Amino acid sequence: MDNNDKENSIPRWLKPDGSPVSCTEKVMVLNENYEELRAMLKDALEDALVLGCSESQVRASFHDLIDQIQTDIKESQQNP
């Protein structure tokens, strides 16, 4: 897999039990959200680099941000 393939890869979306999310509409929403986040993160990283920030520090901060996000929805809550 070259760098372009890695950049354009979208995860295979899985349910908590490990089975794939198979509803076409759900997968489409998940893929759109993923691509929007990718574009937004790329823009934010490039802004930080233009402003003189350390790339490794910004990337670490983004990882920390993801790890800190909390949700009121639990995996065990089943959706149709």
Protein backbone atom coordinates (compact mmCIF):
# COMPACT_ATOMS: atom_id res chain seq x y z
CA MET A 1 0.00 0.00 0.00
CA ASP A 2 1.60 3.30 -1.01
CA ASN A 3 1.10 6.58 0.85
CA ASN A 4 -1.81 7.62 -1.41
CA ASP A 5 -3.68 4.36 -0.71
CA LYS A 6 -3.10 4.80 3.03
CA GLU A 7 -4.41 8.39 2.90
CA ASN A 8 -7.54 7.32 1.03
CA SER A 9 -8.32 4.19 3.06
CA ILE A 10 -11.53 4.18 5.05
CA PRO A 11 -11.96 1.74 7.94
CA ARG A 12 -14.28 -1.21 7.75
CA TRP A 13 -16.97 -0.21 10.25
CA LEU A 14 -17.65 -2.85 12.90
CA LYS A 15 -20.33 -3.37 15.51
CA PRO A 16 -19.32 -4.04 19.15
CA ASP A 17 -19.66 -7.80 18.48
CA GLY A 18 -17.13 -7.54 15.63
CA SER A 19 -19.61 -8.02 12.80
CA PRO A 20 -19.59 -5.44 10.00
CA VAL A 21 -22.08 -2.58 9.80
CA SER A 22 -23.93 -3.62 6.67
CA CYS A 23 -26.62 -0.96 6.23
CA THR A 24 -25.60 1.06 3.14
CA GLU A 25 -26.98 4.32 4.53
CA LYS A 26 -25.16 3.89 7.87
CA VAL A 27 -21.88 3.10 6.11
CA MET A 28 -22.34 6.13 3.86
CA VAL A 29 -22.83 8.44 6.89
CA LEU A 30 -19.81 6.94 8.66
CA ASN A 31 -17.64 7.33 5.54
CA GLU A 32 -18.75 10.94 5.01
CA ASN A 33 -18.01 11.79 8.67
CA TYR A 34 -14.59 10.14 8.38
CA GLU A 35 -13.69 12.10 5.24
CA GLU A 36 -14.89 15.39 6.79
CA LEU A 37 -12.75 14.75 9.88
CA ARG A 38 -9.75 13.85 7.72
CA ALA A 39 -10.04 17.13 5.77
CA MET A 40 -10.56 19.20 8.92
CA LEU A 41 -7.59 17.59 10.70
CA LYS A 42 -5.37 18.08 7.67
CA ASP A 43 -6.32 21.77 7.49
CA ALA A 44 -5.69 22.23 11.23
CA LEU A 45 -2.32 20.45 11.02
CA GLU A 46 -1.25 22.54 8.04
CA ASP A 47 -2.34 25.75 9.82
CA ALA A 48 -0.26 24.74 12.86
CA LEU A 49 2.79 24.05 10.69
CA VAL A 50 2.46 27.39 8.87
CA LEU A 51 2.24 29.07 12.28
CA GLY A 52 5.49 27.42 13.34
CA CYS A 53 4.29 24.58 15.57
CA SER A 54 6.00 21.23 15.95
CA GLU A 55 4.27 18.61 13.80
CA SER A 56 4.87 15.84 16.32
CA GLN A 57 3.45 17.95 19.18
CA VAL A 58 0.34 18.87 17.16
CA ARG A 59 -0.23 15.25 16.17
CA ALA A 60 0.15 14.15 19.80
CA SER A 61 -2.34 16.84 20.85
CA PHE A 62 -4.86 15.59 18.27
CA HIS A 63 -4.45 12.02 19.55
CA ASP A 64 -4.96 13.24 23.12
CA LEU A 65 -8.09 15.12 22.07
CA ILE A 66 -9.63 11.98 20.57
CA ASP A 67 -8.78 10.02 23.73
CA GLN A 68 -10.44 12.69 25.92
CA ILE A 69 -13.76 12.82 24.04
CA GLN A 70 -16.60 11.43 26.16
CA THR A 71 -20.04 10.34 24.99
CA ASP A 72 -23.36 9.75 26.71
CA ILE A 73 -24.09 6.88 24.30
CA LYS A 74 -22.73 3.47 25.27
CA GLU A 75 -21.78 0.67 22.88
CA SER A 76 -24.26 -1.61 24.57
CA GLN A 77 -27.15 0.58 23.43
CA GLN A 78 -28.54 -1.19 20.38
CA ASN A 79 -29.66 0.73 17.32
CA PRO A 80 -31.94 -0.71 14.66
